[in-house]
Each structure stands twice: as C-alpha cells, then as structure tokens.
Amino acid sequence: MIWLYLTNEAFEQDVRPLIKSFFPKEELQVTHAEDEDKQEVTGWRKKICGIWGEDGFVLELYREESSDVVSQTEHKKVSFTERKRFRDEVKRAVYRLLQRETGKLLPWGTLTGVRPVKQVLEKLESGVMPEEIDRFLQEEYYVSEEKRRLSLSVAEKEKALLEKIDYKNSYSLYLGIPFCPTTCLYCSFTSYPLERFGKLTGDYVNALKREIKASASLLKHKRLATVYFGGGTPTALSAEELREVVRTVKDYFPVQTAAEWTVEAGRPDSITAEKLQMLYEEGVGRISVNPQTMNQKTLEVIGRRHTTEQIREAYRLAREVGFTNINMDLIIGLTGENAEDVKETLRQIGELSPDSVTVHTLAIKRAARLNIERDRYRDQDAVDVSAMLAASVQFAKEKGYQPYYLYRQKNMEENLENVGYAREGKEGLYNILIMEEKHSILALGAGGATKLVLSGGERIERSENVKSLKDYLERTDEMIERKKAFFEQYVGLI
C-alpha cells in the first residue's frame, strides 16, 4: 500500500493519478493534516508527504513504516497563489521523486489527463512551430521522445482534417443505445445484456424517439456536422427498431449536411445482413465491426459469445452490402494475452484490410467485472503490453494506416494510450471533434452527456442524462425538460 499524506486537499487530484502511474498495482490511501480522524495509517510500503506552503512546498518519501526520510524535494521559488504554476511544479517534483525511487520513466511523463494532444493541437493552430512544441512537451511534462512524435503527428493530422469543416459553427449528434448481446468482462459503459433486458428494447426506442423529436430545435442555428450511434451496441436492436431510430433522426435533424454518419455495429453476434442493408440504404456511411481480439480463448474469457469466424463473416457481409468505410476496434492488454497473441490478431485483421483500426490499451474501470472480481483474474494479467503496442504501431506503418486521434484513460496498462489509425480519407471525424472538444455535442439516450463548447472553446458546460435504463424510461420527460433548461441557460453563448 502507498500512503499519500498531504497538508490539505490542494492538488490531491493532480498527484494521485501520477502516483498510481508509478505504482499501478498498489492500493493508494490518502489522508490530510486537517482530517478529523488523525489515526496513523499502518501497513504501508511507501509514504509520500506533500507539505504545501505559501511560498513553496516540500515532498518527502519514506519506506516500510520507517520514520526516516529516504528522499526529499524542496521548492521555495513558487507562490501558492499562482495555482497552475504551483501545481505543475508539484507534479514535476513528484515525478522526479518517484522516478529516482523506482527507476521508471513514464512514457507520458507527468501528463495524466485524457487529452494529451489537445494543447499540442491548440499550439499548432496558433502558429507555434513543431520544434518548439516538442521542446515544451519535454521540458514541461517530461514526455518521452516517442510520445512527443506521436502527439505531433496526430495533432498535425487533426489540424488538416478540421480545416476542411466549419467546426466552430456546427455540432455533432450522439445517440446511445445501451444494449449488448452480453456484458464484456472489462466493460464499464452503460450496457444491458439482451438476455435480461431485451424485453425493454421497444420501450427504449419509443423513449429515445421522444427525446429526438424534443431536442431537434435546440441547435437549429448551427449546422449538423456528424452523427454517431454508440452504446452499448446499436445493432443489438432489431432491424426494425434500429430503422425507427434512424428514420426519426432523419425526419427531425438535417442529416443531409452531415459529413459523416457512424454506427457502432460493434459486436459480430449482433450483425445481420438485414441490419447492414438497412443502415446502408438509410445513408449511414461508416460502421465499426469490433473483434477486440482474434484469439478465441480470450473471447470466451472476456464474455464474448461469438467466434472469430463470425467476425470475418460480419466484415464480409458489410463489404458485400457496400460499406467502404469500416473500422475495427482492438484491445491490447486483455486477460491472459501476450505479444504473440496480439501479433496473430493483427495478422488476421490485416487480411481483412479494414479502412481504419482503433487500438485500445486495456483500462480497468471501477465498475467493470474485471475490477470487481479482480482476485479471480489476478494471475491472468497480460504480459508485456508495451510490446503489444509496439506491434500495433509496426502493423499500422506496414499496412498504410496513419494515426489521426489519440486519448488516454485512467488505470491504463503500463501508462499507455488509445490510438485511432486510418487510411487517407477514412478518418472518423466525430472521434476528433469529441476528443479535442472542438464543438458542441448533443447527446441523447441513457448515459448521453451533452457538451456545449462556449466562448470559442474557452468554456465547456455539460448536461448528462441518467445512465440507468430503468431511470431513463421512467424519467424521459425529465431528461427532455432538463436539456431544454440547460440550453436556455447558455442560449446567447453557443
């Protein structure tokens, strides 16, 4: 166990994820000097003390319940009133302290946020030269050379793509379908297995249609740029149910202006020729067929009740129907896999030749079964996730895919990242727009998180629908009224 002791709560949320990056398997317990219960924490392996002062700070490291300081960092040249500068100095100091202690160099340095490319893109757009950005990432955040190159490559691609659309005067529409054939071991999304909740799909479609109709005028003064059906698995609905949702969107939103319409077909065991034909005929241009792995044993362990042959068949059907923009999602770091397993998955995916491939590094969220039942899978961790990622980078290079968007999550294996690769002209615009927070997202359905980008991107406000399927069905009218009130509050700023 790692014990983090702070003089107060300031910067805890900045320091905590950085410590977890160095000690991902360790429990982290935090106490503050002002805590009412000042009982000593016992059983700790390392103790990190952060002492914040008005004109600087001190960091101290202890080992194995000893009272002797092993390492200390003192900084007295920064004022507590300069919060951002103080925070950045603290994070760099924590990094140096733990790098000395562990011998580790984190690939992303002190960057622990979801969007490491966001400020790189902002700097490029403001005219900062790549060489200066590279130096900034190295000196300010200790980012490795490999990740600096990746960040710049992604940001340059994003910049070129965004210049082709008027993102400042447009918005995207997201619709969540919270059903899946089964719930995967690692999943923490809003998802309900059909076996238990399939009888509610009709009620959900009716509720979602009501929200679509009621929300159509909220951003009528802006152009619709992209439409995205996510989940869950949208194709968990029947062909007719899915058609109802698609046609309601077409009836109430100006989809003819959208540069992209994506549907996460996702699970191969939810895909049929009828559903694909319907989506194609209704104007959907981009879909995902997501294997995650082509290792049959792994599919069974993670709770996917389909075969690798079904993956190939779903992909073949999509091509036969006429889809020319198909993405495939992969996850590296899955339970029990090694680099050779991932290379075999990549080999098989290469034979299919999708238009884009998104490589996710496993991130175990608190609500996922893999975390809740972690003792059961403790001895089945993936081996050498960095080698898996390296294999995916090499695969993308050999097959002509370029990285076009990137994001990170908490608790990612080996402190790595998720990268979207695509062939020229096959990039997912919605992925860039939501990840770099470039324009507003109107999100409908259970778990939908609407995001308004205000004042030219300087301010972001959010309004979230309830995640629970039961609550959404019972409170649809409340969600509609809440969203209307939210938009009315910011009507002059959007």
Protein backbone atom coordinates (compact mmCIF):
# COMPACT_ATOMS: atom_id res chain seq x y z
CA MET A 1 0.00 0.00 0.00
CA ILE A 2 1.10 3.57 -0.76
CA TRP A 3 0.18 6.24 1.78
CA LEU A 4 -0.16 9.79 0.49
CA TYR A 5 -0.18 12.33 3.31
CA LEU A 6 -0.97 15.95 2.37
CA THR A 7 -1.19 19.10 4.44
CA ASN A 8 -4.57 19.79 2.76
CA GLU A 9 -6.66 18.67 -0.20
CA ALA A 10 -4.99 21.02 -2.67
CA PHE A 11 -3.53 19.21 -5.71
CA GLU A 12 -4.60 15.78 -4.49
CA GLN A 13 -6.38 15.10 -7.79
CA ASP A 14 -3.18 16.02 -9.65
CA VAL A 15 -0.81 13.99 -7.51
CA ARG A 16 -2.96 10.88 -7.04
CA PRO A 17 -3.06 9.68 -10.71
CA LEU A 18 0.65 10.36 -11.12
CA ILE A 19 1.49 8.15 -8.13
CA LYS A 20 -0.83 5.44 -9.49
CA SER A 21 1.07 5.59 -12.78
CA PHE A 22 4.24 4.62 -10.93
CA PHE A 23 2.51 2.05 -8.71
CA PRO A 24 -0.47 0.76 -10.75
CA LYS A 25 -1.00 -2.42 -8.71
CA GLU A 26 -0.73 -0.77 -5.29
CA GLU A 27 -3.63 0.43 -3.17
CA LEU A 28 -3.37 4.17 -2.55
CA GLN A 29 -4.64 5.67 0.70
CA VAL A 30 -4.84 9.44 1.15
CA THR A 31 -5.09 11.44 4.36
CA HIS A 32 -4.87 15.16 5.07
CA ALA A 33 -3.48 17.07 8.02
CA GLU A 34 -6.91 18.60 8.61
CA ASP A 35 -8.68 15.22 8.73
CA GLU A 36 -10.67 14.82 11.91
CA ASP A 37 -9.51 11.23 12.23
CA LYS A 38 -5.75 11.52 12.59
CA GLN A 39 -5.13 7.84 13.32
CA GLU A 40 -1.89 6.64 11.73
CA VAL A 41 -2.19 4.52 8.60
CA THR A 42 -0.49 1.15 9.06
CA GLY A 43 0.81 -1.49 6.68
CA TRP A 44 2.16 1.00 4.15
CA ARG A 45 5.09 0.22 1.88
CA LYS A 46 5.86 3.78 0.87
CA LYS A 47 4.70 7.08 2.31
CA ILE A 48 4.73 10.30 0.31
CA CYS A 49 4.24 13.55 2.22
CA GLY A 50 3.27 16.74 0.45
CA ILE A 51 3.67 19.87 2.54
CA TRP A 52 2.25 22.95 0.82
CA GLY A 53 3.33 26.42 1.94
CA GLU A 54 2.54 29.94 0.81
CA ASP A 55 5.91 30.30 -0.92
CA GLY A 56 6.76 26.73 -1.91
CA PHE A 57 6.47 23.08 -0.95
CA VAL A 58 8.35 20.10 0.40
CA LEU A 59 7.95 16.48 -0.69
CA GLU A 60 9.22 13.63 1.48
CA LEU A 61 9.44 9.91 0.76
CA TYR A 62 9.53 7.21 3.46
CA ARG A 63 9.79 3.42 3.17
CA GLU A 64 8.30 0.48 5.07
CA GLU A 65 6.76 2.31 8.03
CA SER A 66 10.07 3.96 8.86
CA SER A 67 10.30 7.49 10.28
CA ASP A 68 13.46 8.20 8.28
CA VAL A 69 13.19 10.33 5.14
CA VAL A 70 14.58 8.43 2.14
CA SER A 71 14.31 11.27 -0.35
CA GLN A 72 13.25 14.89 -0.21
CA THR A 73 12.47 17.64 -2.72
CA GLU A 74 12.13 21.26 -1.69
CA HIS A 75 10.86 24.11 -3.83
CA LYS A 76 10.64 27.65 -2.48
CA LYS A 77 10.50 29.70 -5.65
CA VAL A 78 6.82 29.47 -6.46
CA SER A 79 3.86 31.16 -4.79
CA PHE A 80 0.80 29.18 -3.78
CA THR A 81 -1.32 31.96 -5.27
CA GLU A 82 -0.03 31.02 -8.75
CA ARG A 83 -2.09 27.85 -8.73
CA LYS A 84 -1.26 26.50 -12.17
CA ARG A 85 2.47 27.10 -11.86
CA PHE A 86 2.47 25.69 -8.33
CA ARG A 87 0.56 22.59 -9.50
CA ASP A 88 2.91 21.97 -12.43
CA GLU A 89 5.98 22.32 -10.19
CA VAL A 90 4.44 19.87 -7.71
CA LYS A 91 3.75 17.30 -10.45
CA ARG A 92 7.28 17.58 -11.82
CA ALA A 93 8.71 17.22 -8.33
CA VAL A 94 6.57 14.13 -7.61
CA TYR A 95 7.70 12.65 -10.93
CA ARG A 96 11.39 13.20 -10.17
CA LEU A 97 10.97 11.83 -6.64
CA LEU A 98 9.29 8.62 -7.79
CA GLN A 99 11.49 8.22 -10.86
CA ARG A 100 14.53 8.15 -8.55
CA GLU A 101 12.80 5.68 -6.25
CA THR A 102 11.51 3.26 -8.90
CA GLY A 103 13.87 3.74 -11.83
CA LYS A 104 10.82 4.10 -14.10
CA LEU A 105 10.39 6.62 -16.89
CA LEU A 106 6.73 7.10 -17.71
CA PRO A 107 6.17 7.42 -21.48
CA TRP A 108 3.75 10.32 -20.97
CA GLY A 109 5.73 11.92 -18.16
CA THR A 110 3.55 13.99 -15.85
CA LEU A 111 0.61 14.05 -18.29
CA THR A 112 -2.24 12.09 -16.70
CA GLY A 113 -5.22 13.64 -18.46
CA VAL A 114 -7.48 12.13 -21.11
CA ARG A 115 -6.48 14.52 -23.92
CA PRO A 116 -2.68 14.84 -24.18
CA VAL A 117 -2.92 16.07 -27.81
CA LYS A 118 -5.38 18.88 -27.11
CA GLN A 119 -2.86 21.56 -26.19
CA VAL A 120 -0.48 20.36 -28.92
CA LEU A 121 -3.23 21.00 -31.48
CA GLU A 122 -4.01 24.38 -29.91
CA LYS A 123 -0.37 25.40 -30.19
CA LEU A 124 -0.17 24.29 -33.82
CA GLU A 125 -3.34 26.25 -34.63
CA SER A 126 -1.86 29.36 -33.01
CA GLY A 127 1.27 29.11 -35.18
CA VAL A 128 3.78 27.59 -32.75
CA MET A 129 6.46 25.64 -34.61
CA PRO A 130 6.64 21.83 -34.10
CA GLU A 131 10.21 22.08 -32.76
CA GLU A 132 9.09 24.47 -30.04
CA ILE A 133 6.12 22.22 -29.14
CA ASP A 134 8.45 19.23 -28.90
CA ARG A 135 10.70 21.13 -26.50
CA PHE A 136 7.67 22.27 -24.48
CA LEU A 137 6.43 18.67 -24.02
CA GLN A 138 9.87 17.52 -22.95
CA GLU A 139 10.66 20.31 -20.52
CA GLU A 140 7.22 20.93 -19.03
CA TYR A 141 5.90 17.38 -18.86
CA TYR A 142 8.88 15.01 -19.32
CA VAL A 143 7.11 13.29 -22.23
CA SER A 144 9.25 10.65 -23.98
CA GLU A 145 10.58 11.25 -27.49
CA GLU A 146 8.33 8.52 -28.90
CA LYS A 147 5.14 10.03 -27.44
CA ARG A 148 6.18 13.56 -28.43
CA ARG A 149 6.49 12.42 -32.05
CA LEU A 150 3.15 10.62 -31.84
CA SER A 151 1.41 13.67 -30.33
CA LEU A 152 2.69 15.97 -33.04
CA SER A 153 1.82 13.51 -35.81
CA VAL A 154 -1.75 13.16 -34.53
CA ALA A 155 -2.17 16.91 -33.98
CA GLU A 156 -0.94 17.72 -37.50
CA LYS A 157 -3.41 15.22 -38.99
CA GLU A 158 -6.26 16.59 -36.85
CA LYS A 159 -5.43 20.15 -37.87
CA ALA A 160 -5.55 19.24 -41.57
CA LEU A 161 -8.89 17.44 -41.19
CA LEU A 162 -10.52 20.16 -39.06
CA GLU A 163 -9.59 22.83 -41.60
CA LYS A 164 -11.96 21.11 -44.04
CA ILE A 165 -15.06 21.53 -41.86
CA ASP A 166 -16.57 24.57 -40.13
CA TYR A 167 -16.46 23.01 -36.68
CA LYS A 168 -16.94 26.31 -34.85
CA ASN A 169 -20.37 26.82 -36.38
CA SER A 170 -21.55 23.23 -36.28
CA TYR A 171 -22.34 20.47 -33.80
CA SER A 172 -22.48 16.68 -33.60
CA LEU A 173 -25.33 14.41 -32.61
CA TYR A 174 -24.73 11.34 -30.42
CA LEU A 175 -27.35 8.66 -29.74
CA GLY A 176 -26.72 6.00 -27.10
CA ILE A 177 -28.19 2.50 -27.45
CA PRO A 178 -27.49 0.82 -24.08
CA PHE A 179 -28.00 -2.84 -25.05
CA CYS A 180 -25.46 -5.58 -25.80
CA PRO A 181 -25.66 -9.32 -26.52
CA THR A 182 -23.62 -9.84 -23.32
CA THR A 183 -21.57 -7.64 -20.99
CA CYS A 184 -17.82 -7.95 -21.52
CA LEU A 185 -15.54 -8.58 -18.57
CA TYR A 186 -13.75 -5.24 -18.93
CA CYS A 187 -16.79 -3.09 -19.79
CA SER A 188 -18.00 -0.21 -17.61
CA PHE A 189 -20.19 1.55 -20.19
CA THR A 190 -23.94 1.93 -19.91
CA SER A 191 -24.80 -1.54 -21.24
CA TYR A 192 -27.59 -4.01 -20.57
CA PRO A 193 -27.45 -7.65 -21.82
CA LEU A 194 -30.31 -8.66 -24.08
CA GLU A 195 -30.86 -11.89 -22.19
CA ARG A 196 -32.14 -9.93 -19.18
CA PHE A 197 -33.28 -6.63 -20.68
CA GLY A 198 -34.27 -7.50 -24.25
CA LYS A 199 -37.97 -7.05 -23.43
CA LEU A 200 -37.31 -3.34 -22.87
CA THR A 201 -35.82 -2.51 -26.29
CA GLY A 202 -39.20 -1.42 -27.70
CA ASP A 203 -39.89 0.87 -24.74
CA TYR A 204 -36.41 2.33 -25.05
CA VAL A 205 -36.82 3.05 -28.76
CA ASN A 206 -40.09 4.88 -28.06
CA ALA A 207 -38.50 6.94 -25.28
CA LEU A 208 -35.47 7.78 -27.41
CA LYS A 209 -37.70 8.86 -30.30
CA ARG A 210 -39.47 11.27 -27.95
CA GLU A 211 -36.17 12.77 -26.90
CA ILE A 212 -35.02 13.06 -30.52
CA LYS A 213 -38.17 14.95 -31.51
CA ALA A 214 -38.00 17.25 -28.48
CA SER A 215 -34.30 18.08 -28.95
CA ALA A 216 -34.22 18.77 -32.69
CA SER A 217 -34.62 22.54 -32.35
CA LEU A 218 -32.02 23.09 -29.60
CA LEU A 219 -29.15 23.77 -32.02
CA LYS A 220 -31.13 24.62 -35.14
CA HIS A 221 -28.99 27.73 -35.73
CA LYS A 222 -25.91 25.52 -36.23
CA ARG A 223 -25.06 23.03 -38.96
CA LEU A 224 -25.05 19.31 -38.15
CA ALA A 225 -21.52 18.03 -38.82
CA THR A 226 -21.55 14.38 -37.73
CA VAL A 227 -23.95 11.76 -36.37
CA TYR A 228 -22.76 8.92 -34.14
CA PHE A 229 -24.70 5.92 -32.81
CA GLY A 230 -22.83 4.41 -29.86
CA GLY A 231 -23.61 2.29 -26.85
CA GLY A 232 -23.71 -0.42 -25.87
CA THR A 233 -24.19 -1.96 -29.25
CA PRO A 234 -26.70 -0.18 -31.51
CA THR A 235 -27.15 -3.32 -33.64
CA ALA A 236 -28.37 -5.16 -30.55
CA LEU A 237 -31.73 -3.68 -31.54
CA SER A 238 -33.77 -5.47 -34.18
CA ALA A 239 -33.53 -4.19 -37.75
CA GLU A 240 -36.97 -2.61 -37.48
CA GLU A 241 -36.26 -0.95 -34.09
CA LEU A 242 -32.98 0.45 -35.37
CA ARG A 243 -34.69 1.66 -38.54
CA GLU A 244 -37.25 3.53 -36.41
CA VAL A 245 -34.48 5.42 -34.60
CA VAL A 246 -32.55 6.15 -37.80
CA ARG A 247 -35.63 7.46 -39.60
CA THR A 248 -36.68 9.59 -36.65
CA VAL A 249 -33.26 11.23 -36.72
CA LYS A 250 -33.61 11.81 -40.47
CA ASP A 251 -37.10 13.27 -40.00
CA TYR A 252 -36.10 15.79 -37.33
CA PHE A 253 -32.40 16.59 -37.92
CA PRO A 254 -30.75 17.99 -41.09
CA VAL A 255 -28.61 14.90 -41.70
CA GLN A 256 -28.04 15.94 -45.31
CA THR A 257 -25.47 18.48 -44.07
CA ALA A 258 -23.54 15.90 -42.04
CA ALA A 259 -20.10 14.98 -43.33
CA GLU A 260 -20.23 11.65 -41.51
CA TRP A 261 -22.74 9.20 -40.04
CA THR A 262 -21.26 6.39 -37.96
CA VAL A 263 -22.97 3.41 -36.35
CA GLU A 264 -21.08 1.20 -33.93
CA ALA A 265 -22.24 -2.14 -35.30
CA GLY A 266 -19.69 -3.46 -32.83
CA ARG A 267 -20.42 -6.99 -31.76
CA PRO A 268 -20.36 -9.50 -34.67
CA ASP A 269 -23.08 -11.57 -32.96
CA SER A 270 -25.45 -8.58 -33.30
CA ILE A 271 -24.82 -8.02 -37.02
CA THR A 272 -27.09 -9.38 -39.72
CA ALA A 273 -27.32 -8.79 -43.46
CA GLU A 274 -30.76 -7.22 -42.92
CA LYS A 275 -29.44 -4.65 -40.43
CA LEU A 276 -26.44 -3.78 -42.59
CA GLN A 277 -28.58 -3.38 -45.70
CA MET A 278 -30.99 -1.14 -43.83
CA LEU A 279 -28.21 1.09 -42.46
CA TYR A 280 -26.60 1.38 -45.88
CA GLU A 281 -29.89 2.24 -47.59
CA GLU A 282 -30.72 4.85 -44.93
CA GLY A 283 -27.45 6.70 -45.57
CA VAL A 284 -25.09 5.52 -42.82
CA GLY A 285 -21.60 5.71 -44.30
CA ARG A 286 -19.27 4.45 -41.59
CA ILE A 287 -19.57 1.43 -39.29
CA SER A 288 -17.43 -0.47 -36.82
CA VAL A 289 -17.08 -4.24 -36.64
CA ASN A 290 -15.17 -4.74 -33.40
CA PRO A 291 -13.38 -8.03 -32.72
CA GLN A 292 -11.18 -6.73 -29.83
CA THR A 293 -9.13 -9.91 -30.34
CA MET A 294 -8.95 -12.77 -32.83
CA ASN A 295 -7.96 -15.19 -30.08
CA GLN A 296 -10.96 -17.49 -29.50
CA LYS A 297 -9.88 -18.43 -25.99
CA THR A 298 -9.69 -14.75 -24.99
CA LEU A 299 -13.12 -14.04 -26.46
CA GLU A 300 -14.57 -16.72 -24.22
CA VAL A 301 -12.75 -15.43 -21.12
CA ILE A 302 -13.93 -11.84 -21.60
CA GLY A 303 -17.55 -12.89 -22.11
CA ARG A 304 -17.99 -12.54 -25.87
CA ARG A 305 -20.25 -15.28 -27.14
CA HIS A 306 -19.14 -15.20 -30.74
CA THR A 307 -16.39 -16.83 -32.77
CA THR A 308 -13.56 -15.39 -34.82
CA GLU A 309 -15.32 -16.81 -37.87
CA GLN A 310 -18.38 -14.68 -37.05
CA ILE A 311 -16.10 -11.63 -37.02
CA ARG A 312 -14.87 -12.44 -40.51
CA GLU A 313 -18.41 -13.16 -41.71
CA ALA A 314 -19.79 -9.86 -40.33
CA TYR A 315 -16.98 -7.97 -42.05
CA ARG A 316 -17.61 -9.82 -45.34
CA LEU A 317 -21.34 -9.02 -45.16
CA ALA A 318 -20.61 -5.32 -44.60
CA ARG A 319 -18.37 -5.20 -47.66
CA GLU A 320 -20.93 -7.07 -49.77
CA VAL A 321 -23.66 -4.60 -48.76
CA GLY A 322 -21.47 -1.75 -49.98
CA PHE A 323 -19.77 -0.17 -46.95
CA THR A 324 -16.48 1.43 -47.94
CA ASN A 325 -15.55 2.84 -44.54
CA ILE A 326 -15.28 0.10 -41.91
CA ASN A 327 -13.43 0.47 -38.62
CA MET A 328 -12.27 -2.38 -36.40
CA ASP A 329 -11.51 -1.95 -32.68
CA LEU A 330 -8.80 -3.98 -30.94
CA ILE A 331 -7.84 -4.11 -27.27
CA ILE A 332 -4.30 -4.82 -26.15
CA GLY A 333 -3.65 -5.97 -22.60
CA LEU A 334 -6.59 -8.38 -22.43
CA THR A 335 -6.58 -11.04 -19.73
CA GLY A 336 -4.09 -13.81 -20.43
CA GLU A 337 -2.72 -12.48 -23.71
CA ASN A 338 0.88 -11.84 -24.74
CA ALA A 339 2.55 -10.02 -27.61
CA GLU A 340 2.37 -13.07 -29.88
CA ASP A 341 -1.39 -13.27 -29.40
CA VAL A 342 -1.70 -9.62 -30.43
CA LYS A 343 0.54 -10.15 -33.47
CA GLU A 344 -1.72 -13.01 -34.58
CA THR A 345 -4.79 -10.80 -34.14
CA LEU A 346 -3.11 -8.09 -36.22
CA ARG A 347 -2.18 -10.63 -38.91
CA GLN A 348 -5.80 -11.73 -39.26
CA ILE A 349 -7.09 -8.15 -39.21
CA GLY A 350 -4.55 -7.30 -41.90
CA GLU A 351 -6.03 -10.00 -44.13
CA LEU A 352 -9.46 -8.35 -43.82
CA SER A 353 -7.98 -4.90 -44.54
CA PRO A 354 -10.43 -2.55 -42.76
CA ASP A 355 -10.32 1.16 -43.59
CA SER A 356 -9.37 2.13 -40.05
CA VAL A 357 -8.20 0.35 -36.90
CA THR A 358 -8.55 1.69 -33.37
CA VAL A 359 -6.10 0.21 -30.89
CA HIS A 360 -7.24 0.50 -27.26
CA THR A 361 -5.00 -0.24 -24.30
CA LEU A 362 -6.99 -2.01 -21.61
CA ALA A 363 -8.15 0.34 -18.86
CA ILE A 364 -9.92 -1.36 -15.98
CA LYS A 365 -12.64 0.90 -14.66
CA ARG A 366 -14.06 0.63 -11.16
CA ALA A 367 -17.45 -0.67 -12.37
CA ALA A 368 -16.02 -3.37 -14.66
CA ARG A 369 -16.35 -7.02 -13.61
CA LEU A 370 -12.62 -7.43 -14.22
CA ASN A 371 -12.07 -4.99 -11.36
CA ILE A 372 -14.91 -6.17 -9.11
CA GLU A 373 -13.76 -9.80 -9.47
CA ARG A 374 -10.04 -8.93 -9.68
CA ASP A 375 -8.97 -11.67 -7.25
CA ARG A 376 -10.32 -14.26 -9.67
CA TYR A 377 -8.17 -12.94 -12.53
CA ARG A 378 -5.13 -11.79 -10.55
CA ASP A 379 -2.85 -14.45 -12.08
CA GLN A 380 -4.05 -13.89 -15.64
CA ASP A 381 -2.61 -10.44 -16.35
CA ALA A 382 -1.45 -9.69 -19.88
CA VAL A 383 2.31 -9.96 -20.45
CA ASP A 384 4.39 -7.06 -21.85
CA VAL A 385 1.71 -4.66 -23.02
CA SER A 386 4.36 -2.26 -24.35
CA ALA A 387 5.47 -4.95 -26.80
CA MET A 388 1.83 -5.34 -27.89
CA LEU A 389 1.57 -1.62 -28.54
CA ALA A 390 4.85 -1.66 -30.47
CA ALA A 391 3.46 -4.48 -32.64
CA SER A 392 0.35 -2.41 -33.40
CA VAL A 393 2.47 0.62 -34.35
CA GLN A 394 4.52 -1.52 -36.73
CA PHE A 395 1.36 -3.07 -38.18
CA ALA A 396 -0.15 0.34 -38.87
CA LYS A 397 3.02 1.52 -40.59
CA GLU A 398 3.27 -1.57 -42.78
CA LYS A 399 -0.40 -1.51 -43.79
CA GLY A 400 -0.58 2.18 -44.66
CA TYR A 401 -2.55 3.47 -41.66
CA GLN A 402 -1.78 6.87 -40.14
CA PRO A 403 -2.57 7.89 -36.53
CA TYR A 404 -5.33 10.52 -36.54
CA TYR A 405 -6.66 10.69 -32.96
CA LEU A 406 -5.44 9.70 -29.53
CA TYR A 407 -6.73 9.66 -25.99
CA ARG A 408 -5.88 8.19 -22.63
CA GLN A 409 -7.86 6.80 -19.68
CA LYS A 410 -7.24 6.25 -16.00
CA ASN A 411 -5.78 2.90 -14.96
CA MET A 412 -4.42 2.07 -18.41
CA GLU A 413 -2.00 -0.82 -18.63
CA GLU A 414 1.62 0.41 -18.49
CA ASN A 415 0.52 4.06 -18.66
CA LEU A 416 -0.04 3.87 -22.43
CA GLU A 417 -2.77 5.20 -24.77
CA ASN A 418 -5.54 4.53 -27.30
CA VAL A 419 -4.81 5.41 -30.92
CA GLY A 420 -7.08 5.59 -33.96
CA TYR A 421 -5.34 4.72 -37.24
CA ALA A 422 -6.89 5.25 -40.65
CA ARG A 423 -6.09 5.20 -44.33
CA GLU A 424 -6.27 8.55 -46.11
CA GLY A 425 -9.81 9.89 -46.22
CA LYS A 426 -11.24 7.22 -43.87
CA GLU A 427 -10.73 9.00 -40.55
CA GLY A 428 -13.60 9.26 -38.05
CA LEU A 429 -14.30 12.99 -37.74
CA TYR A 430 -16.57 12.55 -34.72
CA ASN A 431 -13.68 10.98 -32.81
CA ILE A 432 -11.54 14.07 -33.32
CA LEU A 433 -14.33 16.53 -32.57
CA ILE A 434 -15.31 14.93 -29.26
CA MET A 435 -11.78 14.15 -28.15
CA GLU A 436 -10.33 17.61 -28.76
CA GLU A 437 -13.54 19.31 -27.54
CA LYS A 438 -13.80 21.41 -30.67
CA HIS A 439 -17.53 21.87 -30.86
CA SER A 440 -20.79 21.07 -29.10
CA ILE A 441 -22.15 17.52 -28.84
CA LEU A 442 -25.89 16.99 -28.41
CA ALA A 443 -26.17 13.58 -26.73
CA LEU A 444 -29.43 11.66 -26.47
CA GLY A 445 -30.36 8.41 -24.75
CA ALA A 446 -29.39 6.74 -21.48
CA GLY A 447 -25.97 7.88 -20.33
CA GLY A 448 -25.75 10.59 -23.00
CA ALA A 449 -23.52 13.51 -21.98
CA THR A 450 -24.31 16.73 -23.84
CA LYS A 451 -21.38 19.10 -24.07
CA LEU A 452 -21.58 22.77 -25.04
CA VAL A 453 -18.37 24.44 -26.18
CA LEU A 454 -18.72 28.14 -25.38
CA SER A 455 -16.72 31.33 -25.91
CA GLY A 456 -14.63 29.92 -28.72
CA GLY A 457 -13.62 26.86 -26.73
CA GLU A 458 -12.57 28.65 -23.57
CA ARG A 459 -15.51 27.26 -21.60
CA ILE A 460 -17.30 23.90 -21.64
CA GLU A 461 -20.60 23.12 -19.92
CA ARG A 462 -22.14 19.65 -19.57
CA SER A 463 -25.58 18.17 -19.04
CA GLU A 464 -25.92 14.44 -18.50
CA ASN A 465 -28.82 12.04 -18.91
CA VAL A 466 -29.28 9.35 -16.29
CA LYS A 467 -27.32 6.16 -17.01
CA SER A 468 -29.80 3.67 -15.59
CA LEU A 469 -32.08 2.15 -18.22
CA LYS A 470 -34.94 1.97 -15.73
CA ASP A 471 -34.48 5.60 -14.71
CA TYR A 472 -34.27 6.78 -18.32
CA LEU A 473 -37.50 5.03 -19.25
CA GLU A 474 -39.28 6.45 -16.21
CA ARG A 475 -37.78 9.93 -16.46
CA THR A 476 -37.60 10.63 -20.19
CA ASP A 477 -39.74 13.76 -19.85
CA GLU A 478 -37.49 14.99 -17.07
CA MET A 479 -34.41 14.47 -19.27
CA ILE A 480 -36.10 16.44 -22.06
CA GLU A 481 -37.01 19.35 -19.79
CA ARG A 482 -33.59 19.32 -18.14
CA LYS A 483 -31.91 19.57 -21.53
CA LYS A 484 -34.17 22.42 -22.65
CA ALA A 485 -33.45 24.38 -19.46
CA PHE A 486 -29.73 23.73 -19.89
CA PHE A 487 -29.72 25.14 -23.45
CA GLU A 488 -31.84 28.12 -22.45
CA GLN A 489 -29.25 28.99 -19.81
CA TYR A 490 -26.49 29.33 -22.43
CA VAL A 491 -28.52 30.33 -25.49
CA GLY A 492 -26.58 33.55 -26.04
CA LEU A 493 -23.17 31.92 -25.75
CA ILE A 494 -23.45 28.89 -28.02
